[in-house]
Amino acid sequence: MTKILAVTDLHYYRPYFEWVRAEALSGRYDAVACAGDGLGFFPSPPDQEGGLRTWLERFPIPIYYSRGGYDPDTAALARIRNPNFYAGGVWVLGRWRIVVVDVWSGVGYIPATAAQTVLVSHYPPAGTMCSRAAGAGFDAAELGRGDVRAMIDRIDTARIAICGSVHEPARHHDEFGNTLVINTGLAHNEMRGVPNHAIIDLDRRSAAIDTGRTMTCIDFAGG
């Protein structure tokens, strides 16, 4: 089985970095997908960027990392030499293709004829419940990106899109076409000592989203 642990918007809360690393070392996952915003507003040592880069440079299994607005710039991430670290680009994990989006470098063109695809993007695709914040007024505005949505629309074999940015999405998952979109939201969860996360079994086409308050299990399209 090919399993991915998905997290996003850790915002430099150190206990969550430690939890993700411990899960990566557990042997239960083949990779981690992190949809960005590793830096941010939680109390932390002054050298946040150095701490994040050290965490990524020492990550023990493949980690697919989509840069968010709170992250080091693209050039800084490119200097990370860990062979387990994958930033913007197209990669392979087993029978799946992993597309990691860096919107500052251009979303780019992904051929529609290649393997089944997992898309990792900090910004959610526009027009989904994962890109719209819970609440009313401005909070319910569309916060997704049309270019990310267009990329998914071009990939007939897309099956799952992992995203973040919207801390309290109207829903933590949505579907359009063949694609299941997951946004676990802001990692911080006052209910317990682990971040919001999702466990995705690519071979069984299933995902479990755990926010502390709720556990949601979803199947997604085969192919």
C-alpha atoms as a PDB file:
ATOM      1  CA  MET A   1       0.000   0.000   0.000  1.00  0.00           C
ATOM      2  CA  THR A   2       1.104   3.572  -0.661  1.00  0.00           C
ATOM      3  CA  LYS A   3       0.173   5.889   2.189  1.00  0.00           C
ATOM      4  CA  ILE A   4       0.655   9.645   2.510  1.00  0.00           C
ATOM      5  CA  LEU A   5       0.363  11.716   5.673  1.00  0.00           C
ATOM      6  CA  ALA A   6      -0.979  15.168   4.725  1.00  0.00           C
ATOM      7  CA  VAL A   7      -0.578  18.319   6.857  1.00  0.00           C
ATOM      8  CA  THR A   8      -0.601  22.043   6.207  1.00  0.00           C
ATOM      9  CA  ASP A   9      -0.176  25.431   7.883  1.00  0.00           C
ATOM     10  CA  LEU A  10       1.985  24.234  10.774  1.00  0.00           C
ATOM     11  CA  HIS A  11       3.052  27.866  11.301  1.00  0.00           C
ATOM     12  CA  TYR A  12       6.166  26.883  13.208  1.00  0.00           C
ATOM     13  CA  TYR A  13       4.458  25.279  16.181  1.00  0.00           C
ATOM     14  CA  ARG A  14       7.361  23.090  17.248  1.00  0.00           C
ATOM     15  CA  PRO A  15       5.390  20.249  18.897  1.00  0.00           C
ATOM     16  CA  TYR A  16       3.650  19.661  15.577  1.00  0.00           C
ATOM     17  CA  PHE A  17       6.949  19.510  13.694  1.00  0.00           C
ATOM     18  CA  GLU A  18       8.066  16.886  16.204  1.00  0.00           C
ATOM     19  CA  TRP A  19       4.804  14.952  15.811  1.00  0.00           C
ATOM     20  CA  VAL A  20       5.061  14.893  12.014  1.00  0.00           C
ATOM     21  CA  ARG A  21       8.676  13.699  12.177  1.00  0.00           C
ATOM     22  CA  ALA A  22       7.761  10.965  14.682  1.00  0.00           C
ATOM     23  CA  GLU A  23       4.936   9.804  12.409  1.00  0.00           C
ATOM     24  CA  ALA A  24       7.350   9.780   9.474  1.00  0.00           C
ATOM     25  CA  LEU A  25       9.678   7.524  11.475  1.00  0.00           C
ATOM     26  CA  SER A  26       6.853   5.173  12.478  1.00  0.00           C
ATOM     27  CA  GLY A  27       7.009   3.176   9.255  1.00  0.00           C
ATOM     28  CA  ARG A  28       3.301   3.669   8.578  1.00  0.00           C
ATOM     29  CA  TYR A  29       3.752   6.096   5.671  1.00  0.00           C
ATOM     30  CA  ASP A  30       5.577   6.186   2.366  1.00  0.00           C
ATOM     31  CA  ALA A  31       5.644   9.994   2.219  1.00  0.00           C
ATOM     32  CA  VAL A  32       4.436  13.225   3.787  1.00  0.00           C
ATOM     33  CA  ALA A  33       2.651  15.972   1.857  1.00  0.00           C
ATOM     34  CA  CYS A  34       2.953  19.396   3.487  1.00  0.00           C
ATOM     35  CA  ALA A  35       0.934  22.155   1.820  1.00  0.00           C
ATOM     36  CA  GLY A  36       3.109  24.965   3.098  1.00  0.00           C
ATOM     37  CA  ASP A  37       3.204  27.839   5.600  1.00  0.00           C
ATOM     38  CA  GLY A  38       5.789  26.259   7.848  1.00  0.00           C
ATOM     39  CA  LEU A  39       6.710  29.694   9.257  1.00  0.00           C
ATOM     40  CA  GLY A  40       4.307  31.975  11.032  1.00  0.00           C
ATOM     41  CA  PHE A  41       2.762  33.342  14.117  1.00  0.00           C
ATOM     42  CA  PHE A  42       3.164  30.806  16.929  1.00  0.00           C
ATOM     43  CA  PRO A  43       5.709  31.558  19.721  1.00  0.00           C
ATOM     44  CA  SER A  44       9.034  30.278  18.461  1.00  0.00           C
ATOM     45  CA  PRO A  45      12.799  30.848  18.494  1.00  0.00           C
ATOM     46  CA  PRO A  46      13.908  33.903  16.487  1.00  0.00           C
ATOM     47  CA  ASP A  47      15.490  31.876  13.695  1.00  0.00           C
ATOM     48  CA  GLN A  48      12.331  30.331  12.311  1.00  0.00           C
ATOM     49  CA  GLU A  49      13.644  29.958   8.785  1.00  0.00           C
ATOM     50  CA  GLY A  50      16.747  28.143   9.993  1.00  0.00           C
ATOM     51  CA  GLY A  51      14.631  25.834  12.132  1.00  0.00           C
ATOM     52  CA  LEU A  52      12.281  25.002   9.273  1.00  0.00           C
ATOM     53  CA  ARG A  53      15.149  24.360   6.882  1.00  0.00           C
ATOM     54  CA  THR A  54      16.874  22.079   9.412  1.00  0.00           C
ATOM     55  CA  TRP A  55      13.638  20.117   9.838  1.00  0.00           C
ATOM     56  CA  LEU A  56      13.314  19.704   6.079  1.00  0.00           C
ATOM     57  CA  GLU A  57      17.004  18.912   5.562  1.00  0.00           C
ATOM     58  CA  ARG A  58      16.773  16.049   8.083  1.00  0.00           C
ATOM     59  CA  PHE A  59      13.387  14.681   7.098  1.00  0.00           C
ATOM     60  CA  PRO A  60      13.617  10.863   7.102  1.00  0.00           C
ATOM     61  CA  ILE A  61      11.162   9.964   4.308  1.00  0.00           C
ATOM     62  CA  PRO A  62       9.994  11.733   1.127  1.00  0.00           C
ATOM     63  CA  ILE A  63       8.277  15.040   1.917  1.00  0.00           C
ATOM     64  CA  TYR A  64       6.465  16.961  -0.825  1.00  0.00           C
ATOM     65  CA  TYR A  65       6.360  20.620   0.183  1.00  0.00           C
ATOM     66  CA  SER A  66       4.351  23.344  -1.561  1.00  0.00           C
ATOM     67  CA  ARG A  67       5.580  26.810  -0.665  1.00  0.00           C
ATOM     68  CA  GLY A  68       3.108  29.175   1.022  1.00  0.00           C
ATOM     69  CA  GLY A  69       3.267  32.895   1.698  1.00  0.00           C
ATOM     70  CA  TYR A  70       4.842  32.358   5.131  1.00  0.00           C
ATOM     71  CA  ASP A  71       7.627  30.143   3.789  1.00  0.00           C
ATOM     72  CA  PRO A  72      11.220  30.904   2.778  1.00  0.00           C
ATOM     73  CA  ASP A  73      11.525  32.021  -0.824  1.00  0.00           C
ATOM     74  CA  THR A  74      11.878  29.565  -3.682  1.00  0.00           C
ATOM     75  CA  ALA A  75      15.660  30.011  -3.869  1.00  0.00           C
ATOM     76  CA  ALA A  76      16.077  29.220  -0.161  1.00  0.00           C
ATOM     77  CA  LEU A  77      14.060  26.034  -0.493  1.00  0.00           C
ATOM     78  CA  ALA A  78      16.114  25.080  -3.558  1.00  0.00           C
ATOM     79  CA  ARG A  79      19.246  25.060  -1.382  1.00  0.00           C
ATOM     80  CA  ILE A  80      17.935  22.181   0.740  1.00  0.00           C
ATOM     81  CA  ARG A  81      20.035  19.149  -0.165  1.00  0.00           C
ATOM     82  CA  ASN A  82      18.051  16.355   1.506  1.00  0.00           C
ATOM     83  CA  PRO A  83      17.237  13.755  -1.207  1.00  0.00           C
ATOM     84  CA  ASN A  84      13.919  13.190   0.594  1.00  0.00           C
ATOM     85  CA  PHE A  85      12.839  16.810   0.051  1.00  0.00           C
ATOM     86  CA  TYR A  86      10.713  17.614  -3.005  1.00  0.00           C
ATOM     87  CA  ALA A  87       9.569  21.168  -3.732  1.00  0.00           C
ATOM     88  CA  GLY A  88       7.971  22.599  -6.900  1.00  0.00           C
ATOM     89  CA  GLY A  89       8.027  20.090  -9.736  1.00  0.00           C
ATOM     90  CA  VAL A  90       6.757  16.730 -10.927  1.00  0.00           C
ATOM     91  CA  TRP A  91       7.838  13.617  -9.032  1.00  0.00           C
ATOM     92  CA  VAL A  92       7.034   9.913  -8.861  1.00  0.00           C
ATOM     93  CA  LEU A  93       5.859   7.890  -5.863  1.00  0.00           C
ATOM     94  CA  GLY A  94       5.177   4.260  -6.719  1.00  0.00           C
ATOM     95  CA  ARG A  95       2.512   4.161  -9.443  1.00  0.00           C
ATOM     96  CA  TRP A  96       1.535   7.777  -8.788  1.00  0.00           C
ATOM     97  CA  ARG A  97       2.777  11.102 -10.042  1.00  0.00           C
ATOM     98  CA  ILE A  98       3.148  13.855  -7.437  1.00  0.00           C
ATOM     99  CA  VAL A  99       2.816  17.429  -8.717  1.00  0.00           C
ATOM    100  CA  VAL A 100       4.086  20.016  -6.216  1.00  0.00           C
ATOM    101  CA  VAL A 101       2.895  23.524  -7.048  1.00  0.00           C
ATOM    102  CA  ASP A 102       4.975  26.647  -6.380  1.00  0.00           C
ATOM    103  CA  VAL A 103       2.786  29.500  -7.624  1.00  0.00           C
ATOM    104  CA  TRP A 104       5.706  31.973  -7.485  1.00  0.00           C
ATOM    105  CA  SER A 105       7.571  29.907 -10.073  1.00  0.00           C
ATOM    106  CA  GLY A 106       4.513  29.520 -12.267  1.00  0.00           C
ATOM    107  CA  VAL A 107       1.987  26.733 -12.087  1.00  0.00           C
ATOM    108  CA  GLY A 108       3.237  25.361 -15.369  1.00  0.00           C
ATOM    109  CA  TYR A 109       1.842  22.820 -17.788  1.00  0.00           C
ATOM    110  CA  ILE A 110       1.339  19.212 -16.714  1.00  0.00           C
ATOM    111  CA  PRO A 111       0.672  16.700 -19.516  1.00  0.00           C
ATOM    112  CA  ALA A 112      -2.701  15.026 -19.110  1.00  0.00           C
ATOM    113  CA  THR A 113      -1.511  11.641 -20.346  1.00  0.00           C
ATOM    114  CA  ALA A 114       0.874  10.618 -17.559  1.00  0.00           C
ATOM    115  CA  ALA A 115       0.246   8.597 -14.404  1.00  0.00           C
ATOM    116  CA  GLN A 116      -2.498   9.177 -11.863  1.00  0.00           C
ATOM    117  CA  THR A 117      -1.782  12.369 -10.038  1.00  0.00           C
ATOM    118  CA  VAL A 118      -1.605  13.730  -6.515  1.00  0.00           C
ATOM    119  CA  LEU A 119      -1.437  17.529  -6.564  1.00  0.00           C
ATOM    120  CA  VAL A 120       0.106  19.323  -3.562  1.00  0.00           C
ATOM    121  CA  SER A 121      -0.633  23.064  -3.529  1.00  0.00           C
ATOM    122  CA  HIS A 122      -0.619  25.565  -0.712  1.00  0.00           C
ATOM    123  CA  TYR A 123      -3.445  27.443  -2.386  1.00  0.00           C
ATOM    124  CA  PRO A 124      -6.646  25.477  -2.987  1.00  0.00           C
ATOM    125  CA  PRO A 125      -8.330  25.294  -6.370  1.00  0.00           C
ATOM    126  CA  ALA A 126     -10.995  27.973  -6.752  1.00  0.00           C
ATOM    127  CA  GLY A 127     -14.649  27.079  -6.699  1.00  0.00           C
ATOM    128  CA  THR A 128     -14.560  24.423  -3.975  1.00  0.00           C
ATOM    129  CA  MET A 129     -15.718  24.322  -0.371  1.00  0.00           C
ATOM    130  CA  CYS A 130     -12.039  23.904   0.578  1.00  0.00           C
ATOM    131  CA  SER A 131     -11.228  27.347  -0.849  1.00  0.00           C
ATOM    132  CA  ARG A 132     -14.072  29.153   0.892  1.00  0.00           C
ATOM    133  CA  ALA A 133     -13.763  30.083   4.556  1.00  0.00           C
ATOM    134  CA  ALA A 134     -16.388  29.106   7.092  1.00  0.00           C
ATOM    135  CA  GLY A 135     -18.534  31.988   8.319  1.00  0.00           C
ATOM    136  CA  ALA A 136     -20.258  34.945   6.719  1.00  0.00           C
ATOM    137  CA  GLY A 137     -19.267  38.150   4.964  1.00  0.00           C
ATOM    138  CA  PHE A 138     -15.603  38.536   4.045  1.00  0.00           C
ATOM    139  CA  ASP A 139     -14.748  35.266   5.756  1.00  0.00           C
ATOM    140  CA  ALA A 140     -16.815  33.411   3.180  1.00  0.00           C
ATOM    141  CA  ALA A 141     -15.024  35.027   0.221  1.00  0.00           C
ATOM    142  CA  GLU A 142     -13.409  32.889  -2.457  1.00  0.00           C
ATOM    143  CA  LEU A 143      -9.789  32.378  -1.392  1.00  0.00           C
ATOM    144  CA  GLY A 144      -8.708  29.787  -3.940  1.00  0.00           C
ATOM    145  CA  ARG A 145      -6.768  30.218  -7.167  1.00  0.00           C
ATOM    146  CA  GLY A 146      -8.129  29.827 -10.658  1.00  0.00           C
ATOM    147  CA  ASP A 147      -4.761  28.736 -12.070  1.00  0.00           C
ATOM    148  CA  VAL A 148      -4.604  25.799  -9.650  1.00  0.00           C
ATOM    149  CA  ARG A 149      -8.169  24.856 -10.612  1.00  0.00           C
ATOM    150  CA  ALA A 150      -7.263  25.079 -14.293  1.00  0.00           C
ATOM    151  CA  MET A 151      -4.270  22.804 -13.753  1.00  0.00           C
ATOM    152  CA  ILE A 152      -6.489  20.140 -12.202  1.00  0.00           C
ATOM    153  CA  ASP A 153      -9.052  20.547 -14.985  1.00  0.00           C
ATOM    154  CA  ARG A 154      -6.289  19.776 -17.527  1.00  0.00           C
ATOM    155  CA  ILE A 155      -5.273  16.524 -15.805  1.00  0.00           C
ATOM    156  CA  ASP A 156      -7.810  13.845 -16.654  1.00  0.00           C
ATOM    157  CA  THR A 157      -6.072  11.360 -14.361  1.00  0.00           C
ATOM    158  CA  ALA A 158      -6.063  13.634 -11.304  1.00  0.00           C
ATOM    159  CA  ARG A 159      -7.438  11.851  -8.280  1.00  0.00           C
ATOM    160  CA  ILE A 160      -6.546  13.925  -5.236  1.00  0.00           C
ATOM    161  CA  ALA A 161      -5.468  17.493  -4.450  1.00  0.00           C
ATOM    162  CA  ILE A 162      -3.924  18.356  -1.066  1.00  0.00           C
ATOM    163  CA  CYS A 163      -4.025  22.033  -0.167  1.00  0.00           C
ATOM    164  CA  GLY A 164      -4.038  24.536   2.706  1.00  0.00           C
ATOM    165  CA  SER A 165      -3.987  28.339   3.165  1.00  0.00           C
ATOM    166  CA  VAL A 166      -7.646  28.645   4.258  1.00  0.00           C
ATOM    167  CA  HIS A 167      -7.381  28.022   7.997  1.00  0.00           C
ATOM    168  CA  GLU A 168     -11.066  27.309   8.593  1.00  0.00           C
ATOM    169  CA  PRO A 169     -12.467  26.016   5.318  1.00  0.00           C
ATOM    170  CA  ALA A 170     -16.200  25.666   4.860  1.00  0.00           C
ATOM    171  CA  ARG A 171     -15.494  21.955   4.419  1.00  0.00           C
ATOM    172  CA  HIS A 172     -12.310  19.956   4.804  1.00  0.00           C
ATOM    173  CA  HIS A 173     -12.997  18.030   1.599  1.00  0.00           C
ATOM    174  CA  ASP A 174     -14.814  18.525  -1.670  1.00  0.00           C
ATOM    175  CA  GLU A 175     -14.963  16.851  -5.075  1.00  0.00           C
ATOM    176  CA  PHE A 176     -15.100  17.965  -8.667  1.00  0.00           C
ATOM    177  CA  GLY A 177     -14.724  15.678 -11.638  1.00  0.00           C
ATOM    178  CA  ASN A 178     -12.447  12.799 -10.686  1.00  0.00           C
ATOM    179  CA  THR A 179     -10.628  14.786  -8.025  1.00  0.00           C
ATOM    180  CA  LEU A 180     -10.990  14.736  -4.260  1.00  0.00           C
ATOM    181  CA  VAL A 181      -9.755  18.005  -2.686  1.00  0.00           C
ATOM    182  CA  ILE A 182      -8.536  17.937   0.925  1.00  0.00           C
ATOM    183  CA  ASN A 183      -7.744  20.954   3.101  1.00  0.00           C
ATOM    184  CA  THR A 184      -7.176  19.967   6.721  1.00  0.00           C
ATOM    185  CA  GLY A 185      -6.978  23.655   7.664  1.00  0.00           C
ATOM    186  CA  LEU A 186      -4.793  25.319  10.261  1.00  0.00           C
ATOM    187  CA  ALA A 187      -2.763  22.629  11.997  1.00  0.00           C
ATOM    188  CA  HIS A 188      -3.334  24.055  15.468  1.00  0.00           C
ATOM    189  CA  ASN A 189      -6.048  22.193  17.337  1.00  0.00           C
ATOM    190  CA  GLU A 190      -6.806  23.104  20.948  1.00  0.00           C
ATOM    191  CA  MET A 191      -8.573  19.773  21.447  1.00  0.00           C
ATOM    192  CA  ARG A 192      -5.361  17.717  21.638  1.00  0.00           C
ATOM    193  CA  GLY A 193      -1.642  17.623  21.057  1.00  0.00           C
ATOM    194  CA  VAL A 194      -1.562  16.599  17.398  1.00  0.00           C
ATOM    195  CA  PRO A 195      -2.215  18.726  14.311  1.00  0.00           C
ATOM    196  CA  ASN A 196      -5.118  18.429  11.941  1.00  0.00           C
ATOM    197  CA  HIS A 197      -4.034  15.874   9.361  1.00  0.00           C
ATOM    198  CA  ALA A 198      -5.200  13.409   6.739  1.00  0.00           C
ATOM    199  CA  ILE A 199      -4.096   9.848   6.054  1.00  0.00           C
ATOM    200  CA  ILE A 200      -4.415   8.963   2.377  1.00  0.00           C
ATOM    201  CA  ASP A 201      -4.191   5.390   1.097  1.00  0.00           C
ATOM    202  CA  LEU A 202      -3.564   5.766  -2.627  1.00  0.00           C
ATOM    203  CA  ASP A 203      -3.942   2.089  -3.480  1.00  0.00           C
ATOM    204  CA  ARG A 204      -7.256   1.660  -1.668  1.00  0.00           C
ATOM    205  CA  ARG A 205      -8.457   5.072  -2.889  1.00  0.00           C
ATOM    206  CA  SER A 206      -9.425   6.192   0.600  1.00  0.00           C
ATOM    207  CA  ALA A 207      -8.671   9.112   2.903  1.00  0.00           C
ATOM    208  CA  ALA A 208      -9.313   9.831   6.579  1.00  0.00           C
ATOM    209  CA  ILE A 209      -9.327  13.467   7.730  1.00  0.00           C
ATOM    210  CA  ASP A 210      -8.752  13.992  11.462  1.00  0.00           C
ATOM    211  CA  THR A 211      -9.386  17.460  12.911  1.00  0.00           C
ATOM    212  CA  GLY A 212      -9.559  16.419  16.561  1.00  0.00           C
ATOM    213  CA  ARG A 213     -13.255  17.225  16.695  1.00  0.00           C
ATOM    214  CA  THR A 214     -14.228  14.999  13.762  1.00  0.00           C
ATOM    215  CA  MET A 215     -12.893  12.043  11.783  1.00  0.00           C
ATOM    216  CA  THR A 216     -14.113  11.891   8.190  1.00  0.00           C
ATOM    217  CA  CYS A 217     -13.489   8.935   5.885  1.00  0.00           C
ATOM    218  CA  ILE A 218     -13.894   9.317   2.127  1.00  0.00           C
ATOM    219  CA  ASP A 219     -13.368   7.111  -0.905  1.00  0.00           C
ATOM    220  CA  PHE A 220     -12.199   8.694  -4.129  1.00  0.00           C
ATOM    221  CA  ALA A 221     -12.300   7.708  -7.788  1.00  0.00           C
ATOM    222  CA  GLY A 222     -10.528   4.638  -9.048  1.00  0.00           C
ATOM    223  CA  GLY A 223      -8.954   4.379 -12.437  1.00  0.00           C
END
